[in-house]
Every structure is written in C-alpha cells, then in structure tokens.
Amino acid sequence: FAPDGKTVAASGAGTGCKIRVYDASTGKLKSELGKSNPGGN
C-alpha cells in the first residue's frame, strides 16, 4: 500500500505484466510493468 494511501501495488506470476498498480479508491488499473519478466516476488 502506498504511504499516501492513493495506490496499491502487486507483483506475482502469470501471463502479462508482473507488476501492477491500482487506484486505491476505485480498484482501477493505473499502470503496469514487466511483461517479459518471469515473476515479481
């Protein structure tokens, strides 16, 4: 959880980007990174 409470970040596995950031108030996907990486631990 971002210290300012505005966003939530997640990392993991699966097809697609391995780092995603969501708007904390709505859950809307805000940004993503790491499509070619095998996993964000």
PDB file of all heavy atoms in Angstrom:
ATOM      1  N   PHE A   1       0.861  -1.181   0.000  1.00  0.00           N
ATOM      2  CA  PHE A   1       0.000   0.000   0.000  1.00  0.00           C
ATOM      3  C   PHE A   1       0.897   1.231   0.000  1.00  0.00           C
ATOM      4  O   PHE A   1       1.840   1.318   0.790  1.00  0.00           O
ATOM      5  CB  PHE A   1      -0.888   0.020   1.247  1.00  0.00           C
ATOM      6  CG  PHE A   1      -2.329   0.360   0.978  1.00  0.00           C
ATOM      7  CD1 PHE A   1      -3.331  -0.568   1.192  1.00  0.00           C
ATOM      8  CD2 PHE A   1      -2.678   1.628   0.515  1.00  0.00           C
ATOM      9  CE1 PHE A   1      -4.658  -0.253   0.947  1.00  0.00           C
ATOM     10  CE2 PHE A   1      -4.004   1.952   0.270  1.00  0.00           C
ATOM     11  CZ  PHE A   1      -5.008   1.012   0.482  1.00  0.00           C
ATOM     12  N   ALA A   2       0.610   2.193  -0.885  1.00  0.00           N
ATOM     13  CA  ALA A   2       1.412   3.409  -0.932  1.00  0.00           C
ATOM     14  C   ALA A   2       1.283   4.178   0.377  1.00  0.00           C
ATOM     15  O   ALA A   2       0.196   4.251   0.953  1.00  0.00           O
ATOM     16  CB  ALA A   2       0.968   4.288  -2.089  1.00  0.00           C
ATOM     17  N   PRO A   3       2.372   4.765   0.871  1.00  0.00           N
ATOM     18  CA  PRO A   3       2.306   5.544   2.115  1.00  0.00           C
ATOM     19  C   PRO A   3       1.288   6.680   2.089  1.00  0.00           C
ATOM     20  O   PRO A   3       0.759   7.053   3.132  1.00  0.00           O
ATOM     21  CB  PRO A   3       3.738   6.083   2.257  1.00  0.00           C
ATOM     22  CG  PRO A   3       4.587   5.075   1.559  1.00  0.00           C
ATOM     23  CD  PRO A   3       3.760   4.624   0.392  1.00  0.00           C
ATOM     24  N   ASP A   4       0.990   7.224   0.890  1.00  0.00           N
ATOM     25  CA  ASP A   4      -0.015   8.283   0.817  1.00  0.00           C
ATOM     26  C   ASP A   4      -1.429   7.734   0.675  1.00  0.00           C
ATOM     27  O   ASP A   4      -2.405   8.503   0.626  1.00  0.00           O
ATOM     28  CB  ASP A   4       0.290   9.260  -0.323  1.00  0.00           C
ATOM     29  CG  ASP A   4       0.226   8.610  -1.709  1.00  0.00           C
ATOM     30  OD1 ASP A   4      -0.191   7.442  -1.825  1.00  0.00           O
ATOM     31  OD2 ASP A   4       0.606   9.286  -2.686  1.00  0.00           O
ATOM     32  N   GLY A   5      -1.573   6.402   0.614  1.00  0.00           N
ATOM     33  CA  GLY A   5      -2.885   5.773   0.561  1.00  0.00           C
ATOM     34  C   GLY A   5      -3.584   5.825  -0.778  1.00  0.00           C
ATOM     35  O   GLY A   5      -4.737   5.389  -0.884  1.00  0.00           O
ATOM     36  N   LYS A   6      -2.919   6.309  -1.822  1.00  0.00           N
ATOM     37  CA  LYS A   6      -3.604   6.518  -3.091  1.00  0.00           C
ATOM     38  C   LYS A   6      -3.566   5.324  -4.034  1.00  0.00           C
ATOM     39  O   LYS A   6      -4.425   5.187  -4.895  1.00  0.00           O
ATOM     40  CB  LYS A   6      -3.013   7.743  -3.793  1.00  0.00           C
ATOM     41  CG  LYS A   6      -3.279   9.046  -3.063  1.00  0.00           C
ATOM     42  CD  LYS A   6      -2.689  10.231  -3.829  1.00  0.00           C
ATOM     43  CE  LYS A   6      -2.956  11.547  -3.116  1.00  0.00           C
ATOM     44  NZ  LYS A   6      -2.371  12.707  -3.851  1.00  0.00           N
ATOM     45  N   THR A   7      -2.562   4.487  -3.919  1.00  0.00           N
ATOM     46  CA  THR A   7      -2.425   3.357  -4.835  1.00  0.00           C
ATOM     47  C   THR A   7      -2.052   2.079  -4.082  1.00  0.00           C
ATOM     48  O   THR A   7      -1.560   2.116  -2.962  1.00  0.00           O
ATOM     49  CB  THR A   7      -1.357   3.626  -5.913  1.00  0.00           C
ATOM     50  OG1 THR A   7      -0.099   3.883  -5.278  1.00  0.00           O
ATOM     51  CG2 THR A   7      -1.736   4.802  -6.787  1.00  0.00           C
ATOM     52  N   VAL A   8      -2.304   0.953  -4.757  1.00  0.00           N
ATOM     53  CA  VAL A   8      -1.924  -0.378  -4.268  1.00  0.00           C
ATOM     54  C   VAL A   8      -1.092  -1.040  -5.349  1.00  0.00           C
ATOM     55  O   VAL A   8      -1.483  -1.042  -6.527  1.00  0.00           O
ATOM     56  CB  VAL A   8      -3.172  -1.231  -3.963  1.00  0.00           C
ATOM     57  CG1 VAL A   8      -2.768  -2.678  -3.659  1.00  0.00           C
ATOM     58  CG2 VAL A   8      -3.963  -0.646  -2.807  1.00  0.00           C
ATOM     59  N   ALA A   9       0.059  -1.595  -4.987  1.00  0.00           N
ATOM     60  CA  ALA A   9       0.923  -2.287  -5.943  1.00  0.00           C
ATOM     61  C   ALA A   9       0.920  -3.777  -5.651  1.00  0.00           C
ATOM     62  O   ALA A   9       0.810  -4.194  -4.495  1.00  0.00           O
ATOM     63  CB  ALA A   9       2.346  -1.738  -5.872  1.00  0.00           C
ATOM     64  N   ALA A  10       1.044  -4.564  -6.703  1.00  0.00           N
ATOM     65  CA  ALA A  10       1.086  -6.015  -6.550  1.00  0.00           C
ATOM     66  C   ALA A  10       2.101  -6.589  -7.521  1.00  0.00           C
ATOM     67  O   ALA A  10       2.341  -6.036  -8.600  1.00  0.00           O
ATOM     68  CB  ALA A  10      -0.284  -6.627  -6.798  1.00  0.00           C
ATOM     69  N   SER A  11       2.713  -7.700  -7.129  1.00  0.00           N
ATOM     70  CA  SER A  11       3.624  -8.419  -8.019  1.00  0.00           C
ATOM     71  C   SER A  11       3.323  -9.899  -7.915  1.00  0.00           C
ATOM     72  O   SER A  11       2.751 -10.372  -6.940  1.00  0.00           O
ATOM     73  CB  SER A  11       5.085  -8.143  -7.657  1.00  0.00           C
ATOM     74  OG  SER A  11       5.379  -8.634  -6.366  1.00  0.00           O
ATOM     75  N   GLY A  12       3.718 -10.646  -8.953  1.00  0.00           N
ATOM     76  CA  GLY A  12       3.433 -12.075  -8.946  1.00  0.00           C
ATOM     77  C   GLY A  12       3.757 -12.717 -10.273  1.00  0.00           C
ATOM     78  O   GLY A  12       4.650 -12.268 -11.001  1.00  0.00           O
ATOM     79  N   ALA A  13       3.018 -13.770 -10.611  1.00  0.00           N
ATOM     80  CA  ALA A  13       3.264 -14.550 -11.817  1.00  0.00           C
ATOM     81  C   ALA A  13       2.032 -14.524 -12.710  1.00  0.00           C
ATOM     82  O   ALA A  13       0.992 -13.991 -12.347  1.00  0.00           O
ATOM     83  CB  ALA A  13       3.631 -15.985 -11.448  1.00  0.00           C
ATOM     84  N   GLY A  14       2.180 -15.145 -13.871  1.00  0.00           N
ATOM     85  CA  GLY A  14       1.066 -15.223 -14.806  1.00  0.00           C
ATOM     86  C   GLY A  14       1.407 -14.580 -16.131  1.00  0.00           C
ATOM     87  O   GLY A  14       2.403 -13.878 -16.273  1.00  0.00           O
ATOM     88  N   THR A  15       0.558 -14.793 -17.138  1.00  0.00           N
ATOM     89  CA  THR A  15       0.753 -14.216 -18.449  1.00  0.00           C
ATOM     90  C   THR A  15       0.427 -12.731 -18.393  1.00  0.00           C
ATOM     91  O   THR A  15      -0.659 -12.344 -17.996  1.00  0.00           O
ATOM     92  CB  THR A  15      -0.142 -14.904 -19.486  1.00  0.00           C
ATOM     93  OG1 THR A  15       0.159 -16.292 -19.492  1.00  0.00           O
ATOM     94  CG2 THR A  15       0.100 -14.338 -20.879  1.00  0.00           C
ATOM     95  N   GLY A  16       1.363 -11.898 -18.811  1.00  0.00           N
ATOM     96  CA  GLY A  16       1.150 -10.458 -18.773  1.00  0.00           C
ATOM     97  C   GLY A  16       2.148  -9.785 -17.856  1.00  0.00           C
ATOM     98  O   GLY A  16       3.117 -10.387 -17.394  1.00  0.00           O
ATOM     99  N   CYS A  17       1.928  -8.498 -17.582  1.00  0.00           N
ATOM    100  CA  CYS A  17       2.853  -7.723 -16.763  1.00  0.00           C
ATOM    101  C   CYS A  17       2.888  -8.252 -15.327  1.00  0.00           C
ATOM    102  O   CYS A  17       1.863  -8.615 -14.765  1.00  0.00           O
ATOM    103  CB  CYS A  17       2.453  -6.256 -16.770  1.00  0.00           C
ATOM    104  SG  CYS A  17       2.644  -5.495 -18.402  1.00  0.00           S
ATOM    105  N   LYS A  18       4.082  -8.257 -14.737  1.00  0.00           N
ATOM    106  CA  LYS A  18       4.266  -8.857 -13.410  1.00  0.00           C
ATOM    107  C   LYS A  18       4.226  -7.850 -12.274  1.00  0.00           C
ATOM    108  O   LYS A  18       4.310  -8.215 -11.111  1.00  0.00           O
ATOM    109  CB  LYS A  18       5.599  -9.624 -13.378  1.00  0.00           C
ATOM    110  CG  LYS A  18       5.723 -10.669 -14.479  1.00  0.00           C
ATOM    111  CD  LYS A  18       4.531 -11.612 -14.529  1.00  0.00           C
ATOM    112  CE  LYS A  18       4.752 -12.767 -15.497  1.00  0.00           C
ATOM    113  NZ  LYS A  18       4.937 -12.324 -16.882  1.00  0.00           N
ATOM    114  N   ILE A  19       4.110  -6.573 -12.588  1.00  0.00           N
ATOM    115  CA  ILE A  19       3.930  -5.540 -11.579  1.00  0.00           C
ATOM    116  C   ILE A  19       2.744  -4.694 -12.018  1.00  0.00           C
ATOM    117  O   ILE A  19       2.731  -4.175 -13.142  1.00  0.00           O
ATOM    118  CB  ILE A  19       5.179  -4.643 -11.425  1.00  0.00           C
ATOM    119  CG1 ILE A  19       6.429  -5.479 -11.143  1.00  0.00           C
ATOM    120  CG2 ILE A  19       4.961  -3.622 -10.313  1.00  0.00           C
ATOM    121  CD1 ILE A  19       7.293  -5.695 -12.358  1.00  0.00           C
ATOM    122  N   ARG A  20       1.749  -4.575 -11.142  1.00  0.00           N
ATOM    123  CA  ARG A  20       0.586  -3.751 -11.463  1.00  0.00           C
ATOM    124  C   ARG A  20       0.301  -2.806 -10.308  1.00  0.00           C
ATOM    125  O   ARG A  20       0.497  -3.158  -9.145  1.00  0.00           O
ATOM    126  CB  ARG A  20      -0.637  -4.623 -11.749  1.00  0.00           C
ATOM    127  CG  ARG A  20      -0.626  -5.216 -13.156  1.00  0.00           C
ATOM    128  CD  ARG A  20      -1.900  -5.964 -13.484  1.00  0.00           C
ATOM    129  NE  ARG A  20      -2.055  -6.105 -14.929  1.00  0.00           N
ATOM    130  CZ  ARG A  20      -3.051  -6.756 -15.522  1.00  0.00           C
ATOM    131  NH1 ARG A  20      -4.001  -7.330 -14.791  1.00  0.00           N
ATOM    132  NH2 ARG A  20      -3.117  -6.816 -16.834  1.00  0.00           N
ATOM    133  N   VAL A  21      -0.173  -1.613 -10.662  1.00  0.00           N
ATOM    134  CA  VAL A  21      -0.528  -0.603  -9.675  1.00  0.00           C
ATOM    135  C   VAL A  21      -1.988  -0.224  -9.881  1.00  0.00           C
ATOM    136  O   VAL A  21      -2.414   0.065 -11.003  1.00  0.00           O
ATOM    137  CB  VAL A  21       0.381   0.642  -9.806  1.00  0.00           C
ATOM    138  CG1 VAL A  21      -0.035   1.720  -8.808  1.00  0.00           C
ATOM    139  CG2 VAL A  21       1.837   0.260  -9.580  1.00  0.00           C
ATOM    140  N   TYR A  22      -2.767  -0.240  -8.783  1.00  0.00           N
ATOM    141  CA  TYR A  22      -4.200   0.017  -8.823  1.00  0.00           C
ATOM    142  C   TYR A  22      -4.538   1.283  -8.043  1.00  0.00           C
ATOM    143  O   TYR A  22      -3.897   1.592  -7.031  1.00  0.00           O
ATOM    144  CB  TYR A  22      -4.971  -1.156  -8.217  1.00  0.00           C
ATOM    145  CG  TYR A  22      -4.721  -2.485  -8.889  1.00  0.00           C
ATOM    146  CD1 TYR A  22      -3.608  -3.263  -8.554  1.00  0.00           C
ATOM    147  CD2 TYR A  22      -5.593  -2.975  -9.855  1.00  0.00           C
ATOM    148  CE1 TYR A  22      -3.378  -4.488  -9.172  1.00  0.00           C
ATOM    149  CE2 TYR A  22      -5.370  -4.199 -10.476  1.00  0.00           C
ATOM    150  CZ  TYR A  22      -4.259  -4.946 -10.136  1.00  0.00           C
ATOM    151  OH  TYR A  22      -4.025  -6.155 -10.739  1.00  0.00           O
ATOM    152  N   ASP A  23      -5.556   1.984  -8.498  1.00  0.00           N
ATOM    153  CA  ASP A  23      -6.082   3.121  -7.750  1.00  0.00           C
ATOM    154  C   ASP A  23      -6.749   2.588  -6.482  1.00  0.00           C
ATOM    155  O   ASP A  23      -7.632   1.732  -6.547  1.00  0.00           O
ATOM    156  CB  ASP A  23      -7.093   3.889  -8.603  1.00  0.00           C
ATOM    157  CG  ASP A  23      -7.564   5.160  -7.934  1.00  0.00           C
ATOM    158  OD1 ASP A  23      -8.310   5.057  -6.940  1.00  0.00           O
ATOM    159  OD2 ASP A  23      -7.200   6.250  -8.383  1.00  0.00           O
ATOM    160  N   ALA A  24      -6.329   3.072  -5.315  1.00  0.00           N
ATOM    161  CA  ALA A  24      -6.821   2.514  -4.052  1.00  0.00           C
ATOM    162  C   ALA A  24      -8.289   2.818  -3.803  1.00  0.00           C
ATOM    163  O   ALA A  24      -8.967   2.067  -3.086  1.00  0.00           O
ATOM    164  CB  ALA A  24      -5.982   3.046  -2.891  1.00  0.00           C
ATOM    165  N   SER A  25      -8.821   3.877  -4.369  1.00  0.00           N
ATOM    166  CA  SER A  25     -10.217   4.230  -4.122  1.00  0.00           C
ATOM    167  C   SER A  25     -11.180   3.476  -5.023  1.00  0.00           C
ATOM    168  O   SER A  25     -12.310   3.164  -4.627  1.00  0.00           O
ATOM    169  CB  SER A  25     -10.425   5.734  -4.285  1.00  0.00           C
ATOM    170  OG  SER A  25     -10.086   6.144  -5.599  1.00  0.00           O
ATOM    171  N   THR A  26     -10.740   3.140  -6.248  1.00  0.00           N
ATOM    172  CA  THR A  26     -11.646   2.524  -7.216  1.00  0.00           C
ATOM    173  C   THR A  26     -11.254   1.102  -7.625  1.00  0.00           C
ATOM    174  O   THR A  26     -12.091   0.361  -8.147  1.00  0.00           O
ATOM    175  CB  THR A  26     -11.720   3.374  -8.489  1.00  0.00           C
ATOM    176  OG1 THR A  26     -10.422   3.379  -9.119  1.00  0.00           O
ATOM    177  CG2 THR A  26     -12.128   4.802  -8.160  1.00  0.00           C
ATOM    178  N   GLY A  27      -9.990   0.740  -7.439  1.00  0.00           N
ATOM    179  CA  GLY A  27      -9.515  -0.551  -7.917  1.00  0.00           C
ATOM    180  C   GLY A  27      -9.147  -0.559  -9.376  1.00  0.00           C
ATOM    181  O   GLY A  27      -8.747  -1.584  -9.933  1.00  0.00           O
ATOM    182  N   LYS A  28      -9.266   0.587 -10.031  1.00  0.00           N
ATOM    183  CA  LYS A  28      -8.944   0.674 -11.458  1.00  0.00           C
ATOM    184  C   LYS A  28      -7.442   0.519 -11.672  1.00  0.00           C
ATOM    185  O   LYS A  28      -6.636   1.083 -10.947  1.00  0.00           O
ATOM    186  CB  LYS A  28      -9.412   2.027 -12.002  1.00  0.00           C
ATOM    187  CG  LYS A  28      -9.175   2.211 -13.493  1.00  0.00           C
ATOM    188  CD  LYS A  28      -9.652   3.575 -13.959  1.00  0.00           C
ATOM    189  CE  LYS A  28      -9.370   3.790 -15.434  1.00  0.00           C
ATOM    190  NZ  LYS A  28      -9.821   5.130 -15.902  1.00  0.00           N
ATOM    191  N   LEU A  29      -7.080  -0.270 -12.706  1.00  0.00           N
ATOM    192  CA  LEU A  29      -5.672  -0.456 -13.043  1.00  0.00           C
ATOM    193  C   LEU A  29      -5.069   0.873 -13.462  1.00  0.00           C
ATOM    194  O   LEU A  29      -5.569   1.535 -14.385  1.00  0.00           O
ATOM    195  CB  LEU A  29      -5.526  -1.488 -14.160  1.00  0.00           C
ATOM    196  CG  LEU A  29      -4.103  -1.823 -14.594  1.00  0.00           C
ATOM    197  CD1 LEU A  29      -3.332  -2.480 -13.461  1.00  0.00           C
ATOM    198  CD2 LEU A  29      -4.120  -2.752 -15.818  1.00  0.00           C
ATOM    199  N   LYS A  30      -3.991   1.271 -12.814  1.00  0.00           N
ATOM    200  CA  LYS A  30      -3.374   2.575 -13.066  1.00  0.00           C
ATOM    201  C   LYS A  30      -2.150   2.461 -13.957  1.00  0.00           C
ATOM    202  O   LYS A  30      -1.935   3.273 -14.838  1.00  0.00           O
ATOM    203  CB  LYS A  30      -2.996   3.206 -11.728  1.00  0.00           C
ATOM    204  CG  LYS A  30      -2.515   4.647 -11.796  1.00  0.00           C
ATOM    205  CD  LYS A  30      -2.236   5.176 -10.399  1.00  0.00           C
ATOM    206  CE  LYS A  30      -1.746   6.613 -10.431  1.00  0.00           C
ATOM    207  NZ  LYS A  30      -2.809   7.542 -10.851  1.00  0.00           N
ATOM    208  N   SER A  31      -1.320   1.447 -13.729  1.00  0.00           N
ATOM    209  CA  SER A  31      -0.122   1.255 -14.546  1.00  0.00           C
ATOM    210  C   SER A  31       0.389  -0.165 -14.368  1.00  0.00           C
ATOM    211  O   SER A  31      -0.011  -0.873 -13.441  1.00  0.00           O
ATOM    212  CB  SER A  31       0.968   2.268 -14.177  1.00  0.00           C
ATOM    213  OG  SER A  31       1.302   2.150 -12.814  1.00  0.00           O
ATOM    214  N   GLU A  32       1.267  -0.568 -15.266  1.00  0.00           N
ATOM    215  CA  GLU A  32       1.826  -1.913 -15.201  1.00  0.00           C
ATOM    216  C   GLU A  32       3.219  -1.931 -15.816  1.00  0.00           C
ATOM    217  O   GLU A  32       3.584  -1.065 -16.601  1.00  0.00           O
ATOM    218  CB  GLU A  32       0.911  -2.931 -15.875  1.00  0.00           C
ATOM    219  CG  GLU A  32       0.524  -2.591 -17.282  1.00  0.00           C
ATOM    220  CD  GLU A  32      -0.563  -3.502 -17.825  1.00  0.00           C
ATOM    221  OE1 GLU A  32      -0.963  -4.467 -17.146  1.00  0.00           O
ATOM    222  OE2 GLU A  32      -0.999  -3.245 -18.960  1.00  0.00           O
ATOM    223  N   LEU A  33       3.970  -2.953 -15.461  1.00  0.00           N
ATOM    224  CA  LEU A  33       5.377  -3.035 -15.866  1.00  0.00           C
ATOM    225  C   LEU A  33       5.833  -4.484 -15.804  1.00  0.00           C
ATOM    226  O   LEU A  33       5.335  -5.272 -15.007  1.00  0.00           O
ATOM    227  CB  LEU A  33       6.235  -2.188 -14.910  1.00  0.00           C
ATOM    228  CG  LEU A  33       7.744  -2.184 -15.115  1.00  0.00           C
ATOM    229  CD1 LEU A  33       8.095  -1.429 -16.395  1.00  0.00           C
ATOM    230  CD2 LEU A  33       8.432  -1.510 -13.936  1.00  0.00           C
ATOM    231  N   GLY A  34       6.795  -4.842 -16.653  1.00  0.00           N
ATOM    232  CA  GLY A  34       7.457  -6.136 -16.529  1.00  0.00           C
ATOM    233  C   GLY A  34       6.799  -7.276 -17.275  1.00  0.00           C
ATOM    234  O   GLY A  34       6.732  -8.390 -16.778  1.00  0.00           O
ATOM    235  N   LYS A  35       6.337  -7.024 -18.498  1.00  0.00           N
ATOM    236  CA  LYS A  35       5.633  -8.074 -19.249  1.00  0.00           C
ATOM    237  C   LYS A  35       6.519  -9.274 -19.527  1.00  0.00           C
ATOM    238  O   LYS A  35       6.072 -10.416 -19.465  1.00  0.00           O
ATOM    239  CB  LYS A  35       5.109  -7.505 -20.566  1.00  0.00           C
ATOM    240  CG  LYS A  35       4.348  -8.521 -21.411  1.00  0.00           C
ATOM    241  CD  LYS A  35       3.745  -7.879 -22.659  1.00  0.00           C
ATOM    242  CE  LYS A  35       2.593  -6.974 -22.295  1.00  0.00           C
ATOM    243  NZ  LYS A  35       1.907  -6.445 -23.502  1.00  0.00           N
ATOM    244  N   SER A  36       7.792  -9.054 -19.835  1.00  0.00           N
ATOM    245  CA  SER A  36       8.679 -10.160 -20.223  1.00  0.00           C
ATOM    246  C   SER A  36       9.326 -10.855 -19.035  1.00  0.00           C
ATOM    247  O   SER A  36       9.982 -11.864 -19.191  1.00  0.00           O
ATOM    248  CB  SER A  36       9.779  -9.640 -21.153  1.00  0.00           C
ATOM    249  OG  SER A  36      10.583  -8.685 -20.473  1.00  0.00           O
ATOM    250  N   ASN A  37       9.126 -10.309 -17.835  1.00  0.00           N
ATOM    251  CA  ASN A  37       9.773 -10.908 -16.671  1.00  0.00           C
ATOM    252  C   ASN A  37       9.012 -12.128 -16.187  1.00  0.00           C
ATOM    253  O   ASN A  37       7.781 -12.130 -16.169  1.00  0.00           O
ATOM    254  CB  ASN A  37       9.878  -9.883 -15.548  1.00  0.00           C
ATOM    255  CG  ASN A  37      10.661 -10.413 -14.368  1.00  0.00           C
ATOM    256  OD1 ASN A  37      10.075 -10.903 -13.428  1.00  0.00           O
ATOM    257  ND2 ASN A  37      11.969 -10.345 -14.447  1.00  0.00           N
ATOM    258  N   PRO A  38       9.699 -13.195 -15.760  1.00  0.00           N
ATOM    259  CA  PRO A  38       9.015 -14.418 -15.344  1.00  0.00           C
ATOM    260  C   PRO A  38       8.299 -14.316 -14.011  1.00  0.00           C
ATOM    261  O   PRO A  38       7.501 -15.175 -13.685  1.00  0.00           O
ATOM    262  CB  PRO A  38      10.149 -15.456 -15.265  1.00  0.00           C
ATOM    263  CG  PRO A  38      11.378 -14.645 -15.042  1.00  0.00           C
ATOM    264  CD  PRO A  38      11.166 -13.366 -15.791  1.00  0.00           C
ATOM    265  N   GLY A  39       8.571 -13.326 -13.211  1.00  0.00           N
ATOM    266  CA  GLY A  39       7.857 -13.232 -11.939  1.00  0.00           C
ATOM    267  C   GLY A  39       8.384 -12.151 -11.034  1.00  0.00           C
ATOM    268  O   GLY A  39       9.596 -11.959 -10.924  1.00  0.00           O
ATOM    269  N   GLY A  40       7.469 -11.420 -10.395  1.00  0.00           N
ATOM    270  CA  GLY A  40       7.830 -10.438  -9.385  1.00  0.00           C
ATOM    271  C   GLY A  40       7.556 -11.030  -8.019  1.00  0.00           C
ATOM    272  O   GLY A  40       6.411 -11.312  -7.666  1.00  0.00           O
ATOM    273  N   ASN A  41       8.588 -11.252  -7.227  1.00  0.00           N
ATOM    274  CA  ASN A  41       8.443 -11.978  -5.964  1.00  0.00           C
ATOM    275  C   ASN A  41       8.043 -11.101  -4.786  1.00  0.00           C
ATOM    276  O   ASN A  41       7.442 -11.582  -3.834  1.00  0.00           O
ATOM    277  CB  ASN A  41       9.756 -12.693  -5.630  1.00  0.00           C
ATOM    278  CG  ASN A  41      10.133 -13.700  -6.691  1.00  0.00           C
ATOM    279  OD1 ASN A  41       9.286 -14.427  -7.191  1.00  0.00           O
ATOM    280  ND2 ASN A  41      11.404 -13.742  -7.057  1.00  0.00           N
TER     281      ASN A  41
END
